[in-house]
Protein backbone atom coordinates (compact mmCIF):
# COMPACT_ATOMS: atom_id res chain seq x y z
CA UNK A 1 18.47 0.76 20.74
CA UNK A 2 20.83 3.21 22.41
CA UNK A 3 20.71 7.00 22.36
CA UNK A 4 23.51 8.54 20.35
CA UNK A 5 24.70 11.95 21.55
CA UNK A 6 26.06 13.08 18.20
CA UNK A 7 26.13 16.76 18.90
CA UNK A 8 28.37 19.39 20.47
CA UNK A 9 28.48 19.99 24.22
CA UNK A 10 26.57 23.24 23.77
CA UNK A 11 23.85 21.56 21.72
CA UNK A 12 23.63 18.70 24.20
CA UNK A 13 23.08 21.19 27.02
CA UNK A 14 20.16 22.76 25.16
CA UNK A 15 18.69 19.44 24.16
CA UNK A 16 18.93 18.07 27.69
CA UNK A 17 16.40 20.71 28.72
CA UNK A 18 13.79 19.20 26.47
CA UNK A 19 12.82 15.55 26.91
CA UNK A 20 11.28 15.62 23.44
CA UNK A 21 14.71 15.57 21.86
CA UNK A 22 16.12 13.01 24.26
CA UNK A 23 13.90 10.37 22.69
CA UNK A 24 15.97 10.42 19.48
CA UNK A 25 17.40 6.94 19.07
CA UNK A 26 18.95 5.16 16.15
CA UNK A 27 20.59 1.79 15.60
CA UNK A 28 24.32 1.48 15.43
CA UNK A 29 25.26 0.35 11.94
CA UNK A 30 27.07 -2.79 10.87
CA UNK A 31 30.48 -2.59 9.29
CA UNK A 32 31.29 -3.56 5.71
CA UNK A 33 33.06 -6.71 6.87
CA UNK A 34 30.64 -7.81 9.59
CA UNK A 35 26.91 -7.78 10.18
CA UNK A 36 27.30 -7.69 13.96
CA UNK A 37 26.43 -4.53 15.88
CA UNK A 38 29.24 -2.79 17.72
CA UNK A 39 29.08 -3.53 21.43
CA UNK A 40 28.35 -0.61 23.70
CA UNK A 41 30.70 -2.17 26.22
CA UNK A 42 33.49 -0.76 24.13
CA UNK A 43 34.28 2.89 24.61
CA UNK A 44 32.46 4.95 21.98
CA UNK A 45 34.56 6.91 19.53
CA UNK A 46 33.38 9.87 17.55
CA UNK A 47 34.26 11.75 14.42
CA UNK A 48 33.65 15.44 13.87
CA UNK A 49 31.58 16.45 10.85
CA UNK A 50 30.67 19.93 9.74
CA UNK A 51 28.02 21.56 7.60
CA UNK A 52 26.50 24.98 6.99
CA UNK A 53 25.34 25.29 10.60
CA UNK A 54 28.50 24.15 12.34
CA UNK A 55 30.06 20.95 13.64
CA UNK A 56 28.72 17.84 15.35
CA UNK A 57 30.09 14.67 16.89
CA UNK A 58 28.97 11.55 15.02
CA UNK A 59 29.41 8.07 16.45
CA UNK A 60 32.30 6.62 14.45
CA UNK A 61 30.45 3.44 13.54
CA UNK A 62 27.53 5.33 12.02
CA UNK A 63 27.31 5.42 8.23
CA UNK A 64 25.05 8.43 8.21
CA UNK A 65 26.49 11.90 8.69
CA UNK A 66 25.77 15.29 10.17
CA UNK A 67 22.79 16.24 8.01
CA UNK A 68 21.05 12.94 8.72
CA UNK A 69 21.70 13.38 12.44
CA UNK A 70 20.20 16.86 12.37
CA UNK A 71 17.08 15.37 10.79
CA UNK A 72 16.94 12.64 13.45
CA UNK A 73 17.10 15.34 16.14
CA UNK A 74 14.57 17.64 14.46
CA UNK A 75 11.86 15.29 13.24
CA UNK A 76 10.50 13.02 15.95
CA UNK A 77 6.95 12.93 14.71
CA UNK A 78 5.30 9.79 13.40
CA UNK A 79 7.44 6.98 14.78
CA UNK A 80 7.69 5.77 11.19
CA UNK A 81 11.32 5.67 10.11
CA UNK A 82 12.82 5.40 6.66
CA UNK A 83 14.35 2.12 7.83
CA UNK A 84 10.81 0.71 8.00
CA UNK A 85 10.33 1.30 4.25
CA UNK A 86 13.01 -0.81 2.53
CA UNK A 87 11.38 -0.30 -0.85
CA UNK A 88 12.07 3.45 -0.61
CA UNK A 89 15.65 2.84 0.54
CA UNK A 90 16.16 0.53 -2.44
CA UNK A 91 14.56 3.06 -4.77
CA UNK A 92 16.91 5.82 -3.57
CA UNK A 93 19.88 3.51 -4.09
CA UNK A 94 18.71 2.60 -7.61
CA UNK A 95 18.39 6.29 -8.50
CA UNK A 96 21.83 7.11 -7.09
CA UNK A 97 23.38 4.22 -9.02
CA UNK A 98 21.74 5.39 -12.25
CA UNK A 99 22.94 8.94 -11.65
CA UNK A 100 26.51 7.77 -10.97
CA UNK A 101 26.41 5.83 -14.23
CA UNK A 102 25.28 8.91 -16.14
CA UNK A 103 28.02 11.02 -14.55
CA UNK A 104 30.55 8.35 -15.45
CA UNK A 105 29.43 8.20 -19.08
CA UNK A 106 29.61 11.98 -19.36
CA UNK A 107 33.03 11.97 -17.65
CA UNK A 108 31.77 14.25 -14.88
CA UNK A 109 32.82 11.70 -12.28
CA UNK A 110 36.00 9.62 -12.51
CA UNK A 111 35.89 5.85 -12.91
CA UNK A 112 36.97 5.01 -9.38
CA UNK A 113 34.44 7.24 -7.62
CA UNK A 114 31.55 6.35 -9.91
CA UNK A 115 32.11 2.59 -9.74
CA UNK A 116 32.60 2.72 -5.98
CA UNK A 117 29.30 4.57 -5.52
CA UNK A 118 27.59 1.99 -7.76
CA UNK A 119 29.12 -0.81 -5.67
CA UNK A 120 28.01 0.90 -2.46
CA UNK A 121 24.46 1.05 -3.85
CA UNK A 122 24.59 -2.73 -4.27
CA UNK A 123 25.43 -3.04 -0.56
CA UNK A 124 22.34 -0.94 0.17
CA UNK A 125 20.19 -3.36 -1.83
CA UNK A 126 21.41 -6.23 0.35
CA UNK A 127 19.55 -4.68 3.27
CA UNK A 128 22.64 -4.71 5.50
CA UNK A 129 22.53 -0.96 5.98
CA UNK A 130 18.81 -0.37 6.42
CA UNK A 131 19.41 0.53 10.08
CA UNK A 132 21.38 3.58 8.88
CA UNK A 133 18.14 5.24 7.73
CA UNK A 134 16.66 6.37 11.05
CA UNK A 135 15.01 9.63 10.00
CA UNK A 136 11.28 10.15 10.38
CA UNK A 137 9.29 9.69 7.18
CA UNK A 138 7.50 12.98 7.85
CA UNK A 139 10.06 15.73 7.49
CA UNK A 140 10.42 19.30 6.34
CA UNK A 141 12.57 20.13 3.35
CA UNK A 142 10.70 18.31 0.56
CA UNK A 143 12.67 15.11 1.19
CA UNK A 144 16.12 16.71 1.53
CA UNK A 145 16.76 14.73 4.71
CA UNK A 146 16.06 11.46 2.91
CA UNK A 147 18.25 12.47 -0.01
CA UNK A 148 21.12 13.44 2.28
CA UNK A 149 20.69 10.25 4.29
CA UNK A 150 21.31 8.11 1.19
CA UNK A 151 24.09 10.47 0.06
CA UNK A 152 25.93 10.18 3.37
CA UNK A 153 25.51 6.43 3.74
CA UNK A 154 26.70 5.82 0.17
CA UNK A 155 29.64 8.16 0.70
CA UNK A 156 30.77 6.42 3.90
CA UNK A 157 30.38 2.93 2.46
CA UNK A 158 32.36 4.11 -0.55
CA UNK A 159 35.09 5.59 1.64
CA UNK A 160 35.56 2.29 3.43
CA UNK A 161 35.63 0.42 0.13
CA UNK A 162 38.40 2.80 -0.94
CA UNK A 163 40.34 2.20 2.26
CA UNK A 164 39.51 5.45 4.04
CA UNK A 165 37.74 6.27 7.28
CA UNK A 166 34.12 7.28 7.43
CA UNK A 167 33.76 11.04 7.33
CA UNK A 168 36.91 11.67 5.27
CA UNK A 169 34.82 13.41 2.65
CA UNK A 170 37.76 15.11 0.97
CA UNK A 171 38.27 11.75 -0.75
CA UNK A 172 34.60 11.27 -1.75
CA UNK A 173 31.91 13.75 -0.76
CA UNK A 174 28.15 13.14 -0.18
CA UNK A 175 27.17 16.30 -2.07
CA UNK A 176 30.00 16.88 -4.52
CA UNK A 177 30.27 13.28 -5.71
CA UNK A 178 27.27 11.17 -4.68
CA UNK A 179 24.78 13.97 -5.37
CA UNK A 180 26.54 15.20 -8.53
CA UNK A 181 24.13 16.53 -11.22
CA UNK A 182 21.23 15.99 -8.85
CA UNK A 183 18.88 17.75 -6.49
CA UNK A 184 16.50 16.44 -3.86
CA UNK A 185 13.79 17.87 -6.10
CA UNK A 186 14.37 15.33 -8.85
CA UNK A 187 15.90 12.46 -6.85
CA UNK A 188 13.19 12.20 -4.18
CA UNK A 189 10.12 12.35 -6.46
CA UNK A 190 11.69 9.81 -8.82
CA UNK A 191 12.56 7.54 -5.90
CA UNK A 192 9.08 7.74 -4.39
CA UNK A 193 7.52 6.79 -7.72
CA UNK A 194 9.89 3.86 -8.03
CA UNK A 195 9.23 2.76 -4.44
CA UNK A 196 5.46 2.71 -5.03
CA UNK A 197 5.91 0.64 -8.19
CA UNK A 198 8.26 -1.79 -6.44
CA UNK A 199 5.75 -2.12 -3.61
CA UNK A 200 2.84 -2.58 -6.00
CA UNK A 201 3.70 -6.16 -6.91
CA UNK A 202 3.00 -7.53 -3.43
CA UNK A 203 -0.40 -5.85 -3.38
CA UNK A 204 -1.40 -7.09 -6.82
CA UNK A 205 -0.29 -10.63 -5.98
CA UNK A 206 -2.40 -10.58 -2.82
CA UNK A 207 -5.49 -9.31 -4.67
CA UNK A 208 -5.02 -11.87 -7.45
CA UNK A 209 -4.96 -14.65 -4.83
CA UNK A 210 -8.11 -13.29 -3.21
CA UNK A 211 -9.81 -13.20 -6.61
CA UNK A 212 -8.83 -16.84 -7.12
CA UNK A 213 -10.37 -17.76 -3.76
CA UNK A 214 -13.66 -16.03 -4.54
CA UNK A 215 -13.68 -17.67 -7.97
CA UNK A 216 -13.16 -21.09 -6.38
CA UNK A 217 -16.02 -20.46 -3.96
CA UNK A 218 -18.27 -19.29 -6.78
CA UNK A 219 -17.84 -22.66 -8.48
CA UNK A 220 -18.31 -24.53 -5.20
CA UNK A 221 -21.59 -22.66 -4.56
CA UNK A 222 -22.80 -22.59 -8.18
CA UNK A 223 -25.92 -24.76 -7.61
CA UNK A 224 -27.04 -23.27 -4.29
CA UNK A 225 -30.18 -21.19 -4.78
CA UNK A 226 -30.74 -18.21 -2.50
CA UNK A 227 -32.53 -14.92 -2.35
CA UNK A 228 -30.95 -11.75 -3.66
CA UNK A 229 -31.65 -8.54 -1.81
CA UNK A 230 -31.86 -4.92 -2.88
CA UNK A 231 -32.11 -2.12 -0.31
CA UNK A 232 -31.94 -4.94 2.25
CA UNK A 233 -35.36 -6.16 1.05
CA UNK A 234 -36.29 -9.45 -0.64
CA UNK A 235 -35.52 -9.26 -4.37
CA UNK A 236 -35.21 -12.20 -6.77
CA UNK A 237 -33.61 -15.65 -6.79
CA UNK A 238 -29.93 -16.06 -7.58
CA UNK A 239 -27.20 -18.55 -6.72
CA UNK A 240 -24.68 -18.12 -3.96
CA UNK A 241 -22.10 -18.84 -6.63
CA UNK A 242 -23.21 -15.81 -8.62
CA UNK A 243 -22.86 -13.64 -5.54
CA UNK A 244 -19.30 -14.82 -4.89
CA UNK A 245 -18.41 -14.51 -8.56
CA UNK A 246 -19.39 -10.84 -8.40
CA UNK A 247 -16.88 -10.37 -5.57
CA UNK A 248 -14.14 -11.84 -7.76
CA UNK A 249 -15.15 -9.74 -10.75
CA UNK A 250 -15.17 -6.40 -8.95
CA UNK A 251 -11.70 -7.01 -7.48
CA UNK A 252 -10.36 -8.17 -10.84
CA UNK A 253 -11.31 -4.77 -12.25
CA UNK A 254 -9.14 -3.06 -9.66
CA UNK A 255 -6.11 -5.16 -10.54
CA UNK A 256 -6.30 -3.78 -14.07
CA UNK A 257 -6.92 -0.25 -12.83
CA UNK A 258 -3.96 -0.23 -10.44
CA UNK A 259 -1.67 -1.56 -13.16
CA UNK A 260 -2.81 1.12 -15.59
CA UNK A 261 -2.66 3.92 -13.05
CA UNK A 262 0.81 2.79 -12.01
CA UNK A 263 2.02 3.65 -15.50
CA UNK A 264 1.48 7.33 -14.65
CA UNK A 265 4.29 7.01 -12.10
CA UNK A 266 6.82 5.96 -14.74
CA UNK A 267 7.08 9.53 -16.04
CA UNK A 268 9.78 11.13 -13.89
CA UNK A 269 11.68 14.41 -13.63
CA UNK A 270 15.16 12.94 -13.08
CA UNK A 271 17.69 15.28 -14.68
CA UNK A 272 15.61 18.38 -13.95
CA UNK A 273 17.64 19.04 -10.77
CA UNK A 274 16.36 21.92 -8.60
CA UNK A 275 13.28 23.20 -10.45
CA UNK A 276 13.31 21.39 -13.78
CA UNK A 277 15.75 23.60 -15.66
CA UNK A 278 18.56 21.07 -15.39
CA UNK A 279 20.99 23.46 -13.74
CA UNK A 280 24.34 21.82 -12.77
CA UNK A 281 23.72 18.87 -15.08
CA UNK A 282 25.13 18.31 -18.55
CA UNK A 283 22.90 18.09 -21.60
CA UNK A 284 21.64 14.54 -22.06
CA UNK A 285 22.42 13.54 -18.48
CA UNK A 286 18.77 12.92 -17.57
CA UNK A 287 18.21 10.69 -20.59
CA UNK A 288 21.19 8.52 -19.66
CA UNK A 289 20.19 8.30 -16.00
CA UNK A 290 16.58 7.37 -16.79
CA UNK A 291 17.66 4.71 -19.27
CA UNK A 292 19.97 3.18 -16.68
CA UNK A 293 17.28 3.31 -14.01
CA UNK A 294 14.98 1.38 -16.35
CA UNK A 295 17.68 -1.24 -16.89
CA UNK A 296 18.33 -1.61 -13.17
CA UNK A 297 14.69 -1.98 -12.16
CA UNK A 298 13.04 -3.59 -15.18
CA UNK A 299 10.49 -0.76 -15.16
CA UNK A 300 10.28 1.39 -18.28
CA UNK A 301 10.67 4.97 -17.11
CA UNK A 302 10.44 8.02 -19.33
CA UNK A 303 11.42 11.66 -19.02
CA UNK A 304 8.58 14.05 -18.25
CA UNK A 305 7.63 16.24 -21.18
CA UNK A 306 7.88 19.39 -19.04
CA UNK A 307 10.42 18.98 -16.24
CA UNK A 308 9.42 22.20 -14.51
CA UNK A 309 5.78 21.12 -14.36
CA UNK A 310 6.79 17.61 -13.25
CA UNK A 311 8.89 19.00 -10.39
CA UNK A 312 5.88 20.52 -8.66
CA UNK A 313 2.86 18.51 -9.83
CA UNK A 314 1.67 15.62 -7.64
CA UNK A 315 -1.30 14.70 -9.81
CA UNK A 316 -0.15 11.17 -10.57
CA UNK A 317 0.04 10.41 -6.86
CA UNK A 318 -3.48 11.74 -6.34
CA UNK A 319 -4.86 9.47 -9.06
CA UNK A 320 -2.91 6.46 -7.83
CA UNK A 321 -4.09 7.01 -4.27
CA UNK A 322 -7.66 7.20 -5.55
CA UNK A 323 -7.32 3.73 -7.07
CA UNK A 324 -6.12 2.39 -3.73
CA UNK A 325 -9.10 4.07 -2.06
CA UNK A 326 -11.42 2.46 -4.59
CA UNK A 327 -9.95 -0.96 -3.82
CA UNK A 328 -10.29 -0.29 -0.09
CA UNK A 329 -13.96 0.65 -0.44
CA UNK A 330 -14.67 -2.47 -2.47
CA UNK A 331 -12.97 -4.66 0.11
CA UNK A 332 -14.99 -3.06 2.89
CA UNK A 333 -18.24 -3.53 0.95
CA UNK A 334 -17.46 -7.22 0.42
CA UNK A 335 -16.47 -7.61 4.07
CA UNK A 336 -19.75 -6.03 5.17
CA UNK A 337 -21.72 -8.29 2.81
CA UNK A 338 -20.08 -11.36 4.33
CA UNK A 339 -20.92 -10.08 7.80
CA UNK A 340 -24.57 -9.70 6.79
CA UNK A 341 -24.77 -13.08 5.06
CA UNK A 342 -23.24 -14.83 8.09
CA UNK A 343 -25.39 -12.90 10.59
CA UNK A 344 -26.75 -15.18 13.30
CA UNK A 345 -26.09 -18.02 13.68
CA UNK A 346 -29.69 -18.66 14.80
CA UNK A 347 -31.52 -15.35 14.58
CA UNK A 348 -30.07 -13.83 11.41
CA UNK A 349 -29.60 -14.63 7.73
CA UNK A 350 -26.93 -17.26 8.36
CA UNK A 351 -26.71 -18.20 4.67
CA UNK A 352 -22.97 -18.72 5.07
CA UNK A 353 -20.64 -19.57 7.95
CA UNK A 354 -17.34 -17.79 8.39
CA UNK A 355 -14.35 -19.57 9.94
CA UNK A 356 -14.28 -19.18 13.71
CA UNK A 357 -11.06 -17.36 14.57
CA UNK A 358 -11.46 -16.39 18.23
CA UNK A 359 -14.06 -16.18 21.02
CA UNK A 360 -16.19 -13.10 20.53
CA UNK A 361 -17.21 -11.95 23.96
CA UNK A 362 -15.93 -11.62 27.50
CA UNK A 363 -19.47 -12.01 28.86
CA UNK A 364 -21.55 -13.98 26.32
CA UNK A 365 -20.51 -17.66 26.21
CA UNK A 366 -20.35 -19.23 22.77
CA UNK A 367 -20.39 -15.94 20.87
CA UNK A 368 -18.09 -15.76 17.84
CA UNK A 369 -17.70 -12.48 15.97
CA UNK A 370 -16.75 -11.85 12.31
CA UNK A 371 -13.43 -10.35 13.40
CA UNK A 372 -11.61 -10.74 10.07
CA UNK A 373 -14.17 -8.80 7.97
CA UNK A 374 -14.37 -6.20 10.73
CA UNK A 375 -10.61 -5.70 10.60
CA UNK A 376 -10.68 -5.47 6.79
CA UNK A 377 -13.16 -2.61 6.99
CA UNK A 378 -11.06 -0.75 9.55
CA UNK A 379 -8.01 -1.05 7.28
CA UNK A 380 -10.12 0.29 4.44
CA UNK A 381 -11.18 3.33 6.44
CA UNK A 382 -7.54 4.10 7.21
CA UNK A 383 -6.71 4.01 3.49
CA UNK A 384 -9.50 6.53 2.90
CA UNK A 385 -7.92 8.75 5.55
CA UNK A 386 -4.51 8.37 3.93
CA UNK A 387 -6.02 9.41 0.63
CA UNK A 388 -7.35 12.62 2.17
CA UNK A 389 -3.89 13.44 3.58
CA UNK A 390 -2.37 12.83 0.14
CA UNK A 391 -4.99 15.06 -1.46
CA UNK A 392 -4.26 17.96 0.88
CA UNK A 393 -0.49 17.53 0.55
CA UNK A 394 -0.75 17.54 -3.25
CA UNK A 395 -2.76 20.77 -3.13
CA UNK A 396 -0.19 22.44 -0.87
CA UNK A 397 2.54 22.68 -3.49
CA UNK A 398 3.71 26.24 -4.10
CA UNK A 399 5.33 27.64 -7.22
CA UNK A 400 8.08 25.29 -8.49
CA UNK A 401 8.05 22.65 -5.73
CA UNK A 402 5.79 20.65 -3.46
CA UNK A 403 7.46 20.51 -0.05
CA UNK A 404 4.80 18.15 1.31
CA UNK A 405 5.85 15.14 -0.75
CA UNK A 406 7.21 13.19 2.26
CA UNK A 407 3.64 13.00 3.59
CA UNK A 408 2.48 11.74 0.18
CA UNK A 409 5.23 9.12 0.18
CA UNK A 410 4.54 7.68 3.62
CA UNK A 411 0.77 7.59 3.12
CA UNK A 412 0.94 5.95 -0.28
CA UNK A 413 3.33 3.28 0.93
CA UNK A 414 1.29 2.80 4.10
CA UNK A 415 -1.89 2.36 2.05
CA UNK A 416 -0.22 -0.24 -0.13
CA UNK A 417 1.19 -2.13 2.84
CA UNK A 418 -2.04 -1.99 4.84
CA UNK A 419 -4.09 -3.21 1.88
CA UNK A 420 -1.63 -6.00 1.16
CA UNK A 421 -1.81 -7.21 4.75
CA UNK A 422 -5.59 -6.85 4.90
CA UNK A 423 -6.14 -8.74 1.65
CA UNK A 424 -3.86 -11.59 2.72
CA UNK A 425 -5.61 -11.82 6.10
CA UNK A 426 -9.04 -11.72 4.42
CA UNK A 427 -8.06 -14.45 1.98
CA UNK A 428 -6.28 -16.93 4.22
CA UNK A 429 -8.21 -16.43 7.47
CA UNK A 430 -11.71 -15.93 6.12
CA UNK A 431 -12.67 -16.40 2.47
CA UNK A 432 -10.88 -19.70 1.97
CA UNK A 433 -12.82 -21.27 4.85
CA UNK A 434 -16.33 -19.97 4.13
CA UNK A 435 -19.05 -22.64 4.10
CA UNK A 436 -22.52 -22.41 2.59
CA UNK A 437 -25.62 -23.16 4.66
CA UNK A 438 -27.65 -24.57 1.77
CA UNK A 439 -30.70 -25.57 3.83
CA UNK A 440 -30.99 -22.08 5.26
CA UNK A 441 -30.64 -20.50 1.81
CA UNK A 442 -33.54 -22.66 0.52
CA UNK A 443 -35.68 -21.95 3.56
CA UNK A 444 -35.36 -18.19 3.17
CA UNK A 445 -35.95 -18.34 -0.59
CA UNK A 446 -39.05 -20.53 -0.31
CA UNK A 447 -40.58 -18.24 2.30
CA UNK A 448 -39.74 -14.98 0.58
CA UNK A 449 -41.97 -12.74 -1.49
CA UNK A 450 -39.10 -12.41 -3.96
CA UNK A 451 -39.93 -15.81 -5.38
CA UNK A 452 -43.08 -14.43 -6.95
CA UNK A 453 -40.98 -12.39 -9.39
CA UNK A 454 -39.74 -15.62 -10.97
CA UNK A 455 -43.38 -16.71 -11.38
CA UNK A 456 -44.57 -13.41 -12.84
CA UNK A 457 -44.11 -14.47 -16.52
CA UNK A 458 -46.36 -17.50 -15.88
CA UNK A 459 -49.02 -15.97 -13.60
CA UNK A 460 -49.15 -12.41 -14.84
CA UNK A 461 -48.45 -9.26 -12.86
CA UNK A 462 -51.94 -8.87 -11.34
CA UNK A 463 -52.17 -12.44 -10.10
CA UNK A 464 -48.56 -12.35 -8.85
CA UNK A 465 -49.26 -9.15 -6.91
CA UNK A 466 -52.37 -10.71 -5.36
CA UNK A 467 -50.44 -13.82 -4.30
CA UNK A 468 -47.62 -11.71 -2.82
CA UNK A 469 -50.07 -9.59 -0.84
CA UNK A 470 -51.88 -12.65 0.51
CA UNK A 471 -48.59 -14.32 1.45
CA UNK A 472 -47.50 -11.20 3.31
CA UNK A 473 -50.73 -10.93 5.30
CA UNK A 474 -51.20 -14.64 6.03
CA UNK A 475 -47.62 -15.71 6.53
CA UNK A 476 -48.06 -18.57 4.07
CA UNK A 477 -45.39 -19.27 1.49
CA UNK A 478 -45.78 -18.34 -2.17
CA UNK A 479 -45.52 -21.99 -3.21
CA UNK A 480 -48.20 -23.08 -0.74
CA UNK A 481 -50.71 -20.47 -1.97
CA UNK A 482 -50.10 -21.33 -5.64
CA UNK A 483 -50.69 -25.01 -4.94
CA UNK A 484 -53.79 -24.33 -2.84
CA UNK A 485 -55.29 -22.12 -5.57
CA UNK A 486 -54.17 -24.58 -8.26
CA UNK A 487 -52.59 -21.82 -10.31
CA UNK A 488 -49.73 -24.10 -11.42
CA UNK A 489 -49.13 -27.84 -11.26
CA UNK A 490 -46.32 -29.45 -9.32
CA UNK A 491 -44.63 -30.32 -12.62
CA UNK A 492 -44.87 -26.72 -13.84
CA UNK A 493 -43.48 -25.42 -10.56
CA UNK A 494 -40.63 -27.90 -10.70
CA UNK A 495 -39.63 -26.65 -14.14
CA UNK A 496 -40.09 -22.95 -13.37
CA UNK A 497 -38.16 -23.09 -10.08
CA UNK A 498 -35.10 -24.75 -11.58
CA UNK A 499 -31.93 -22.84 -10.74
CA UNK A 500 -30.99 -22.30 -14.39
CA UNK A 501 -34.46 -20.95 -15.12
CA UNK A 502 -34.58 -18.46 -12.27
CA UNK A 503 -31.04 -17.13 -12.31
CA UNK A 504 -30.38 -16.30 -15.95
CA UNK A 505 -32.22 -14.88 -18.98
CA UNK A 506 -34.75 -17.16 -20.66
CA UNK A 507 -34.24 -18.61 -24.15
């Protein structure tokens, strides 16, 4: 990447005094006709753009404009750029296309401008202009920088489609035309909701595949008896298959929950403009735009019942983030269980073996660590942290707007992406290759005090307690003591200790 000095000489002089600003870098964009990047060997040419605060030189090949460049200069915070979140770029383009359609139908925007903006949005969806979105995801202004970024890029693509030069906004303007009947305060929240829903599919697919893997393992391990544990103490017999089935079941619940919670995000405030009153938009505009957005995306959106309330309330994001946190906590719990079950290999439980993925120590030869489950838990903790940031940002809304929504957007999308990656890693690098150590499972079960619980209905509580106490003090197994004291015959024990007898309710 190459630094772009898209500012006046006076501004450059000020900025040169502060190395913080000199780190601002963005990609040069491709042209409409070619996907190649303009060579810096050629002499750079600039265009002059102006806004409320003055004028600025913008590299001629750039599709963004002066307001985007101001945001690039101002917000160098997280290192996370809008270009890194293609689902949000696509969502913004979908919203702009729907709004242009509504303006066309209401004859607020002429055919040529409206259709050109719609065509430009299609170019955005191709991904060819993602490099033109170089602003930091964390930004002041309640998302205004993101809204103006898409406005300027769409305007300049449209100008070239119409045969004009970039920046000749008297032919088609980012605010007057692309942003017609809109405000950041209805465009950005609607786009963030759409982006989360578009991003949701990858996460759900990953979790569904992980559920399938645990289900497969539950069938593979269905006849392997082992000892269940409560409070890390010996409990009662179960099968390893039942344990793995429970992992599948708990994750399956979250698939349903995320789908249901996602429906909360389909209620949007598009058409409310600045604060929900609909100022600068014609009656019925929002209904048309939302209907078109539903057609474009295949997601059934609806207009919020109270647009003023919907413009400031972030409650749906809080609930959705909570479902992601719940999934993260479940994944971490499962990962920790697998670490415990595989503990060893010689001096621990070692009831299962995890796939060996890399040497585990720089000093201990032969050591292999459960690195995949460990990484899953760390991803989960980060999602919990993201949820806290979302919670605080949602609380910080004041009066008719929540200016902290960019933080909500980046953390929600990050949580989705991190969980998707973690689940895929967990599935393909760990769960699919887990092996059962059946002999070890039987050894631990036979020598445990938990086995006496299965014999309680046949021996009685008092006798069972006596046997358990004697086994604990002597170190002898439950089975050995019962045989020595002739409390049950070998045939009776064989029937009682059958897997189907000990791991499910009796007839």
